[in-house]
Amino acid sequence: MKISDKFILKNVGGESMLLPINNDFMSVKNLITLNGTSLDIYTFLKDGLTKEEIVEQMLKNYDVDKETLEKDVNEVIQKFISLGVLDV
């Protein structure tokens, strides 16, 4: 998996957002707002970490069991793929 070059991460009004880099930039439907968890996952993916490495890193920062975290990481990654944020 690799982060797509079709989006750029920006902080807009205190919110982390992925903005498309094309002529749809002004279309609100193409803006993706990231919460803290999804921002961490995005950052780890951008750094080249695998799913398993992401889970291990996040276990250090989140008070959650490994099974729940694996499920959450998988859901966010699948959402990123469906939105075109990740190239597979």
PDB file of N, CA and C in Angstrom:
ATOM      1  N   MET A   1       0.837  -1.186   0.000  1.00  0.00           N
ATOM      2  CA  MET A   1       0.000   0.000   0.000  1.00  0.00           C
ATOM      3  C   MET A   1       0.879   1.245   0.000  1.00  0.00           C
ATOM      4  N   LYS A   2       0.388   2.237  -0.715  1.00  0.00           N
ATOM      5  CA  LYS A   2       1.127   3.491  -0.815  1.00  0.00           C
ATOM      6  C   LYS A   2       0.126   4.636  -0.810  1.00  0.00           C
ATOM      7  N   ILE A   3       0.470   5.697  -0.092  1.00  0.00           N
ATOM      8  CA  ILE A   3      -0.383   6.887  -0.073  1.00  0.00           C
ATOM      9  C   ILE A   3      -0.442   7.462  -1.482  1.00  0.00           C
ATOM     10  N   SER A   4      -1.646   7.759  -1.945  1.00  0.00           N
ATOM     11  CA  SER A   4      -1.843   8.335  -3.267  1.00  0.00           C
ATOM     12  C   SER A   4      -1.301   9.758  -3.321  1.00  0.00           C
ATOM     13  N   ASP A   5      -0.806  10.139  -4.474  1.00  0.00           N
ATOM     14  CA  ASP A   5      -0.335  11.511  -4.653  1.00  0.00           C
ATOM     15  C   ASP A   5      -1.458  12.432  -5.126  1.00  0.00           C
ATOM     16  N   LYS A   6      -2.706  11.960  -5.041  1.00  0.00           N
ATOM     17  CA  LYS A   6      -3.864  12.743  -5.478  1.00  0.00           C
ATOM     18  C   LYS A   6      -4.427  13.634  -4.368  1.00  0.00           C
ATOM     19  N   PHE A   7      -3.872  13.496  -3.156  1.00  0.00           N
ATOM     20  CA  PHE A   7      -4.348  14.281  -2.011  1.00  0.00           C
ATOM     21  C   PHE A   7      -3.168  14.918  -1.300  1.00  0.00           C
ATOM     22  N   ILE A   8      -3.453  16.027  -0.611  1.00  0.00           N
ATOM     23  CA  ILE A   8      -2.452  16.678   0.226  1.00  0.00           C
ATOM     24  C   ILE A   8      -3.078  16.886   1.603  1.00  0.00           C
ATOM     25  N   LEU A   9      -2.285  16.659   2.647  1.00  0.00           N
ATOM     26  CA  LEU A   9      -2.753  16.840   4.015  1.00  0.00           C
ATOM     27  C   LEU A   9      -2.553  18.291   4.421  1.00  0.00           C
ATOM     28  N   LYS A  10      -3.618  18.918   4.898  1.00  0.00           N
ATOM     29  CA  LYS A  10      -3.558  20.313   5.349  1.00  0.00           C
ATOM     30  C   LYS A  10      -4.329  20.457   6.657  1.00  0.00           C
ATOM     31  N   ASN A  11      -3.921  21.435   7.456  1.00  0.00           N
ATOM     32  CA  ASN A  11      -4.658  21.798   8.652  1.00  0.00           C
ATOM     33  C   ASN A  11      -5.511  23.002   8.277  1.00  0.00           C
ATOM     34  N   VAL A  12      -6.820  22.836   8.369  1.00  0.00           N
ATOM     35  CA  VAL A  12      -7.758  23.897   7.986  1.00  0.00           C
ATOM     36  C   VAL A  12      -8.649  24.197   9.185  1.00  0.00           C
ATOM     37  N   GLY A  13      -8.452  25.364   9.775  1.00  0.00           N
ATOM     38  CA  GLY A  13      -9.269  25.755  10.920  1.00  0.00           C
ATOM     39  C   GLY A  13      -9.163  24.787  12.091  1.00  0.00           C
ATOM     40  N   GLY A  14      -7.974  24.235  12.300  1.00  0.00           N
ATOM     41  CA  GLY A  14      -7.767  23.297  13.394  1.00  0.00           C
ATOM     42  C   GLY A  14      -8.161  21.864  13.074  1.00  0.00           C
ATOM     43  N   GLU A  15      -8.616  21.622  11.851  1.00  0.00           N
ATOM     44  CA  GLU A  15      -9.009  20.274  11.414  1.00  0.00           C
ATOM     45  C   GLU A  15      -7.988  19.747  10.423  1.00  0.00           C
ATOM     46  N   SER A  16      -7.622  18.480  10.561  1.00  0.00           N
ATOM     47  CA  SER A  16      -6.747  17.843   9.582  1.00  0.00           C
ATOM     48  C   SER A  16      -7.606  17.343   8.434  1.00  0.00           C
ATOM     49  N   MET A  17      -7.254  17.786   7.226  1.00  0.00           N
ATOM     50  CA  MET A  17      -8.046  17.434   6.053  1.00  0.00           C
ATOM     51  C   MET A  17      -7.157  16.971   4.919  1.00  0.00           C
ATOM     52  N   LEU A  18      -7.676  16.026   4.154  1.00  0.00           N
ATOM     53  CA  LEU A  18      -7.036  15.620   2.916  1.00  0.00           C
ATOM     54  C   LEU A  18      -7.765  16.333   1.791  1.00  0.00           C
ATOM     55  N   LEU A  19      -7.021  17.109   1.041  1.00  0.00           N
ATOM     56  CA  LEU A  19      -7.596  17.892  -0.050  1.00  0.00           C
ATOM     57  C   LEU A  19      -7.121  17.312  -1.374  1.00  0.00           C
ATOM     58  N   PRO A  20      -8.035  17.151  -2.329  1.00  0.00           N
ATOM     59  CA  PRO A  20      -7.627  16.616  -3.628  1.00  0.00           C
ATOM     60  C   PRO A  20      -6.765  17.619  -4.393  1.00  0.00           C
ATOM     61  N   ILE A  21      -5.787  17.096  -5.106  1.00  0.00           N
ATOM     62  CA  ILE A  21      -4.912  17.945  -5.925  1.00  0.00           C
ATOM     63  C   ILE A  21      -5.350  17.790  -7.373  1.00  0.00           C
ATOM     64  N   ASN A  22      -6.432  18.460  -7.719  1.00  0.00           N
ATOM     65  CA  ASN A  22      -6.929  18.457  -9.100  1.00  0.00           C
ATOM     66  C   ASN A  22      -7.967  19.560  -9.242  1.00  0.00           C
ATOM     67  N   ASN A  23      -8.702  19.520 -10.306  1.00  0.00           N
ATOM     68  CA  ASN A  23      -9.685  20.582 -10.547  1.00  0.00           C
ATOM     69  C   ASN A  23     -10.920  20.459  -9.661  1.00  0.00           C
ATOM     70  N   ASP A  24     -11.030  19.391  -8.849  1.00  0.00           N
ATOM     71  CA  ASP A  24     -12.157  19.234  -7.928  1.00  0.00           C
ATOM     72  C   ASP A  24     -11.850  19.815  -6.552  1.00  0.00           C
ATOM     73  N   PHE A  25     -10.773  20.588  -6.435  1.00  0.00           N
ATOM     74  CA  PHE A  25     -10.314  21.104  -5.148  1.00  0.00           C
ATOM     75  C   PHE A  25     -11.417  21.842  -4.400  1.00  0.00           C
ATOM     76  N   MET A  26     -12.244  22.564  -5.090  1.00  0.00           N
ATOM     77  CA  MET A  26     -13.259  23.370  -4.426  1.00  0.00           C
ATOM     78  C   MET A  26     -14.545  22.599  -4.142  1.00  0.00           C
ATOM     79  N   SER A  27     -14.620  21.369  -4.558  1.00  0.00           N
ATOM     80  CA  SER A  27     -15.820  20.575  -4.323  1.00  0.00           C
ATOM     81  C   SER A  27     -15.776  19.993  -2.907  1.00  0.00           C
ATOM     82  N   VAL A  28     -16.736  20.375  -2.082  1.00  0.00           N
ATOM     83  CA  VAL A  28     -16.776  19.946  -0.685  1.00  0.00           C
ATOM     84  C   VAL A  28     -16.859  18.427  -0.574  1.00  0.00           C
ATOM     85  N   LYS A  29     -17.503  17.780  -1.533  1.00  0.00           N
ATOM     86  CA  LYS A  29     -17.661  16.324  -1.443  1.00  0.00           C
ATOM     87  C   LYS A  29     -16.323  15.596  -1.554  1.00  0.00           C
ATOM     88  N   ASN A  30     -15.288  16.259  -2.029  1.00  0.00           N
ATOM     89  CA  ASN A  30     -13.987  15.631  -2.178  1.00  0.00           C
ATOM     90  C   ASN A  30     -13.038  15.908  -1.019  1.00  0.00           C
ATOM     91  N   LEU A  31     -13.492  16.650  -0.012  1.00  0.00           N
ATOM     92  CA  LEU A  31     -12.663  16.926   1.161  1.00  0.00           C
ATOM     93  C   LEU A  31     -12.836  15.799   2.168  1.00  0.00           C
ATOM     94  N   ILE A  32     -11.742  15.360   2.763  1.00  0.00           N
ATOM     95  CA  ILE A  32     -11.789  14.280   3.737  1.00  0.00           C
ATOM     96  C   ILE A  32     -11.241  14.811   5.059  1.00  0.00           C
ATOM     97  N   THR A  33     -12.080  14.829   6.087  1.00  0.00           N
ATOM     98  CA  THR A  33     -11.660  15.275   7.407  1.00  0.00           C
ATOM     99  C   THR A  33     -11.179  14.069   8.200  1.00  0.00           C
ATOM    100  N   LEU A  34     -10.015  14.208   8.832  1.00  0.00           N
ATOM    101  CA  LEU A  34      -9.435  13.122   9.612  1.00  0.00           C
ATOM    102  C   LEU A  34      -9.566  13.409  11.099  1.00  0.00           C
ATOM    103  N   ASN A  35     -10.008  12.403  11.857  1.00  0.00           N
ATOM    104  CA  ASN A  35      -9.961  12.536  13.312  1.00  0.00           C
ATOM    105  C   ASN A  35      -8.562  12.129  13.770  1.00  0.00           C
ATOM    106  N   GLY A  36      -8.302  12.181  15.055  1.00  0.00           N
ATOM    107  CA  GLY A  36      -6.970  11.885  15.572  1.00  0.00           C
ATOM    108  C   GLY A  36      -6.476  10.493  15.207  1.00  0.00           C
ATOM    109  N   THR A  37      -7.354   9.508  15.303  1.00  0.00           N
ATOM    110  CA  THR A  37      -6.980   8.132  14.991  1.00  0.00           C
ATOM    111  C   THR A  37      -6.649   7.963  13.516  1.00  0.00           C
ATOM    112  N   SER A  38      -7.518   8.472  12.650  1.00  0.00           N
ATOM    113  CA  SER A  38      -7.273   8.319  11.214  1.00  0.00           C
ATOM    114  C   SER A  38      -6.064   9.135  10.770  1.00  0.00           C
ATOM    115  N   LEU A  39      -5.797  10.259  11.435  1.00  0.00           N
ATOM    116  CA  LEU A  39      -4.595  11.039  11.130  1.00  0.00           C
ATOM    117  C   LEU A  39      -3.343  10.252  11.504  1.00  0.00           C
ATOM    118  N   ASP A  40      -3.367   9.603  12.671  1.00  0.00           N
ATOM    119  CA  ASP A  40      -2.229   8.767  13.063  1.00  0.00           C
ATOM    120  C   ASP A  40      -1.999   7.658  12.041  1.00  0.00           C
ATOM    121  N   ILE A  41      -3.062   6.987  11.636  1.00  0.00           N
ATOM    122  CA  ILE A  41      -2.943   5.890  10.666  1.00  0.00           C
ATOM    123  C   ILE A  41      -2.399   6.413   9.345  1.00  0.00           C
ATOM    124  N   TYR A  42      -2.926   7.544   8.877  1.00  0.00           N
ATOM    125  CA  TYR A  42      -2.447   8.151   7.634  1.00  0.00           C
ATOM    126  C   TYR A  42      -0.950   8.455   7.733  1.00  0.00           C
ATOM    127  N   THR A  43      -0.546   9.053   8.844  1.00  0.00           N
ATOM    128  CA  THR A  43       0.859   9.421   9.037  1.00  0.00           C
ATOM    129  C   THR A  43       1.754   8.185   9.044  1.00  0.00           C
ATOM    130  N   PHE A  44       1.330   7.147   9.746  1.00  0.00           N
ATOM    131  CA  PHE A  44       2.111   5.917   9.776  1.00  0.00           C
ATOM    132  C   PHE A  44       2.207   5.278   8.386  1.00  0.00           C
ATOM    133  N   LEU A  45       1.111   5.299   7.636  1.00  0.00           N
ATOM    134  CA  LEU A  45       1.135   4.760   6.271  1.00  0.00           C
ATOM    135  C   LEU A  45       2.094   5.563   5.396  1.00  0.00           C
ATOM    136  N   LYS A  46       2.042   6.871   5.558  1.00  0.00           N
ATOM    137  CA  LYS A  46       2.930   7.738   4.786  1.00  0.00           C
ATOM    138  C   LYS A  46       4.396   7.465   5.112  1.00  0.00           C
ATOM    139  N   ASP A  47       4.656   7.085   6.368  1.00  0.00           N
ATOM    140  CA  ASP A  47       6.009   6.742   6.802  1.00  0.00           C
ATOM    141  C   ASP A  47       6.425   5.338   6.366  1.00  0.00           C
ATOM    142  N   GLY A  48       5.508   4.605   5.722  1.00  0.00           N
ATOM    143  CA  GLY A  48       5.829   3.287   5.181  1.00  0.00           C
ATOM    144  C   GLY A  48       5.604   2.115   6.118  1.00  0.00           C
ATOM    145  N   LEU A  49       4.908   2.341   7.238  1.00  0.00           N
ATOM    146  CA  LEU A  49       4.651   1.254   8.168  1.00  0.00           C
ATOM    147  C   LEU A  49       3.591   0.300   7.626  1.00  0.00           C
ATOM    148  N   THR A  50       3.716  -0.967   7.986  1.00  0.00           N
ATOM    149  CA  THR A  50       2.710  -1.970   7.627  1.00  0.00           C
ATOM    150  C   THR A  50       1.545  -1.878   8.606  1.00  0.00           C
ATOM    151  N   LYS A  51       0.467  -2.570   8.292  1.00  0.00           N
ATOM    152  CA  LYS A  51      -0.691  -2.606   9.179  1.00  0.00           C
ATOM    153  C   LYS A  51      -0.296  -3.090  10.573  1.00  0.00           C
ATOM    154  N   GLU A  52       0.505  -4.133  10.609  1.00  0.00           N
ATOM    155  CA  GLU A  52       0.923  -4.709  11.886  1.00  0.00           C
ATOM    156  C   GLU A  52       1.787  -3.715  12.678  1.00  0.00           C
ATOM    157  N   GLU A  53       2.676  -3.015  11.999  1.00  0.00           N
ATOM    158  CA  GLU A  53       3.521  -2.022  12.661  1.00  0.00           C
ATOM    159  C   GLU A  53       2.692  -0.846  13.176  1.00  0.00           C
ATOM    160  N   ILE A  54       1.669  -0.472  12.411  1.00  0.00           N
ATOM    161  CA  ILE A  54       0.783   0.616  12.837  1.00  0.00           C
ATOM    162  C   ILE A  54       0.079   0.229  14.132  1.00  0.00           C
ATOM    163  N   VAL A  55      -0.446  -0.981  14.174  1.00  0.00           N
ATOM    164  CA  VAL A  55      -1.142  -1.452  15.378  1.00  0.00           C
ATOM    165  C   VAL A  55      -0.189  -1.428  16.575  1.00  0.00           C
ATOM    166  N   GLU A  56       1.023  -1.927  16.395  1.00  0.00           N
ATOM    167  CA  GLU A  56       1.991  -1.955  17.497  1.00  0.00           C
ATOM    168  C   GLU A  56       2.322  -0.538  17.979  1.00  0.00           C
ATOM    169  N   GLN A  57       2.504   0.398  17.059  1.00  0.00           N
ATOM    170  CA  GLN A  57       2.791   1.777  17.446  1.00  0.00           C
ATOM    171  C   GLN A  57       1.609   2.409  18.184  1.00  0.00           C
ATOM    172  N   MET A  58       0.417   2.156  17.687  1.00  0.00           N
ATOM    173  CA  MET A  58      -0.772   2.772  18.280  1.00  0.00           C
ATOM    174  C   MET A  58      -1.109   2.176  19.637  1.00  0.00           C
ATOM    175  N   LEU A  59      -0.747   0.916  19.867  1.00  0.00           N
ATOM    176  CA  LEU A  59      -0.979   0.315  21.179  1.00  0.00           C
ATOM    177  C   LEU A  59      -0.224   1.068  22.269  1.00  0.00           C
ATOM    178  N   LYS A  60       0.870   1.722  21.890  1.00  0.00           N
ATOM    179  CA  LYS A  60       1.658   2.495  22.849  1.00  0.00           C
ATOM    180  C   LYS A  60       0.951   3.792  23.256  1.00  0.00           C
ATOM    181  N   ASN A  61       0.059   4.286  22.390  1.00  0.00           N
ATOM    182  CA  ASN A  61      -0.565   5.591  22.605  1.00  0.00           C
ATOM    183  C   ASN A  61      -2.047   5.555  22.950  1.00  0.00           C
ATOM    184  N   TYR A  62      -2.697   4.423  22.711  1.00  0.00           N
ATOM    185  CA  TYR A  62      -4.143   4.329  22.919  1.00  0.00           C
ATOM    186  C   TYR A  62      -4.444   3.275  23.975  1.00  0.00           C
ATOM    187  N   ASP A  63      -5.406   3.555  24.812  1.00  0.00           N
ATOM    188  CA  ASP A  63      -5.834   2.626  25.850  1.00  0.00           C
ATOM    189  C   ASP A  63      -6.952   1.755  25.276  1.00  0.00           C
ATOM    190  N   VAL A  64      -6.542   0.754  24.494  1.00  0.00           N
ATOM    191  CA  VAL A  64      -7.492  -0.129  23.820  1.00  0.00           C
ATOM    192  C   VAL A  64      -6.820  -1.485  23.629  1.00  0.00           C
ATOM    193  N   ASP A  65      -7.635  -2.536  23.547  1.00  0.00           N
ATOM    194  CA  ASP A  65      -7.049  -3.857  23.354  1.00  0.00           C
ATOM    195  C   ASP A  65      -6.641  -4.038  21.888  1.00  0.00           C
ATOM    196  N   LYS A  66      -5.732  -4.955  21.671  1.00  0.00           N
ATOM    197  CA  LYS A  66      -5.148  -5.152  20.346  1.00  0.00           C
ATOM    198  C   LYS A  66      -6.199  -5.547  19.305  1.00  0.00           C
ATOM    199  N   GLU A  67      -7.133  -6.392  19.681  1.00  0.00           N
ATOM    200  CA  GLU A  67      -8.166  -6.852  18.742  1.00  0.00           C
ATOM    201  C   GLU A  67      -9.021  -5.686  18.235  1.00  0.00           C
ATOM    202  N   THR A  68      -9.434  -4.825  19.138  1.00  0.00           N
ATOM    203  CA  THR A  68     -10.241  -3.656  18.762  1.00  0.00           C
ATOM    204  C   THR A  68      -9.438  -2.724  17.870  1.00  0.00           C
ATOM    205  N   LEU A  69      -8.193  -2.505  18.230  1.00  0.00           N
ATOM    206  CA  LEU A  69      -7.342  -1.615  17.448  1.00  0.00           C
ATOM    207  C   LEU A  69      -7.095  -2.171  16.047  1.00  0.00           C
ATOM    208  N   GLU A  70      -6.860  -3.466  15.929  1.00  0.00           N
ATOM    209  CA  GLU A  70      -6.673  -4.084  14.610  1.00  0.00           C
ATOM    210  C   GLU A  70      -7.909  -3.885  13.744  1.00  0.00           C
ATOM    211  N   LYS A  71      -9.084  -4.051  14.345  1.00  0.00           N
ATOM    212  CA  LYS A  71     -10.341  -3.851  13.612  1.00  0.00           C
ATOM    213  C   LYS A  71     -10.464  -2.400  13.141  1.00  0.00           C
ATOM    214  N   ASP A  72     -10.182  -1.465  14.038  1.00  0.00           N
ATOM    215  CA  ASP A  72     -10.278  -0.043  13.696  1.00  0.00           C
ATOM    216  C   ASP A  72      -9.284   0.347  12.604  1.00  0.00           C
ATOM    217  N   VAL A  73      -8.051  -0.125  12.712  1.00  0.00           N
ATOM    218  CA  VAL A  73      -7.030   0.175  11.704  1.00  0.00           C
ATOM    219  C   VAL A  73      -7.460  -0.381  10.353  1.00  0.00           C
ATOM    220  N   ASN A  74      -7.965  -1.612  10.341  1.00  0.00           N
ATOM    221  CA  ASN A  74      -8.441  -2.210   9.089  1.00  0.00           C
ATOM    222  C   ASN A  74      -9.573  -1.402   8.464  1.00  0.00           C
ATOM    223  N   GLU A  75     -10.510  -0.940   9.301  1.00  0.00           N
ATOM    224  CA  GLU A  75     -11.636  -0.147   8.797  1.00  0.00           C
ATOM    225  C   GLU A  75     -11.160   1.163   8.172  1.00  0.00           C
ATOM    226  N   VAL A  76     -10.237   1.843   8.834  1.00  0.00           N
ATOM    227  CA  VAL A  76      -9.727   3.111   8.312  1.00  0.00           C
ATOM    228  C   VAL A  76      -8.971   2.865   7.006  1.00  0.00           C
ATOM    229  N   ILE A  77      -8.156   1.831   6.959  1.00  0.00           N
ATOM    230  CA  ILE A  77      -7.404   1.524   5.738  1.00  0.00           C
ATOM    231  C   ILE A  77      -8.358   1.200   4.592  1.00  0.00           C
ATOM    232  N   GLN A  78      -9.393   0.425   4.853  1.00  0.00           N
ATOM    233  CA  GLN A  78     -10.369   0.111   3.807  1.00  0.00           C
ATOM    234  C   GLN A  78     -11.082   1.376   3.325  1.00  0.00           C
ATOM    235  N   LYS A  79     -11.387   2.283   4.250  1.00  0.00           N
ATOM    236  CA  LYS A  79     -12.020   3.557   3.879  1.00  0.00           C
ATOM    237  C   LYS A  79     -11.070   4.385   3.017  1.00  0.00           C
ATOM    238  N   PHE A  80      -9.789   4.439   3.399  1.00  0.00           N
ATOM    239  CA  PHE A  80      -8.792   5.154   2.600  1.00  0.00           C
ATOM    240  C   PHE A  80      -8.718   4.576   1.185  1.00  0.00           C
ATOM    241  N   ILE A  81      -8.752   3.254   1.074  1.00  0.00           N
ATOM    242  CA  ILE A  81      -8.706   2.620  -0.247  1.00  0.00           C
ATOM    243  C   ILE A  81      -9.933   3.001  -1.053  1.00  0.00           C
ATOM    244  N   SER A  82     -11.121   2.940  -0.447  1.00  0.00           N
ATOM    245  CA  SER A  82     -12.353   3.249  -1.173  1.00  0.00           C
ATOM    246  C   SER A  82     -12.429   4.718  -1.610  1.00  0.00           C
ATOM    247  N   LEU A  83     -11.762   5.609  -0.861  1.00  0.00           N
ATOM    248  CA  LEU A  83     -11.765   7.034  -1.201  1.00  0.00           C
ATOM    249  C   LEU A  83     -10.620   7.408  -2.157  1.00  0.00           C
ATOM    250  N   GLY A  84      -9.741   6.458  -2.435  1.00  0.00           N
ATOM    251  CA  GLY A  84      -8.629   6.733  -3.331  1.00  0.00           C
ATOM    252  C   GLY A  84      -7.416   7.348  -2.649  1.00  0.00           C
ATOM    253  N   VAL A  85      -7.417   7.361  -1.320  1.00  0.00           N
ATOM    254  CA  VAL A  85      -6.300   7.916  -0.565  1.00  0.00           C
ATOM    255  C   VAL A  85      -5.108   6.952  -0.602  1.00  0.00           C
ATOM    256  N   LEU A  86      -5.386   5.667  -0.681  1.00  0.00           N
ATOM    257  CA  LEU A  86      -4.346   4.639  -0.747  1.00  0.00           C
ATOM    258  C   LEU A  86      -4.376   3.950  -2.101  1.00  0.00           C
ATOM    259  N   ASP A  87      -3.221   3.765  -2.678  1.00  0.00           N
ATOM    260  CA  ASP A  87      -3.084   2.957  -3.880  1.00  0.00           C
ATOM    261  C   ASP A  87      -2.661   1.565  -3.447  1.00  0.00           C
ATOM    262  N   VAL A  88      -3.360   0.563  -3.959  1.00  0.00           N
ATOM    263  CA  VAL A  88      -3.007  -0.822  -3.609  1.00  0.00           C
ATOM    264  C   VAL A  88      -2.507  -1.579  -4.815  1.00  0.00           C
TER     265      VAL A  88
END
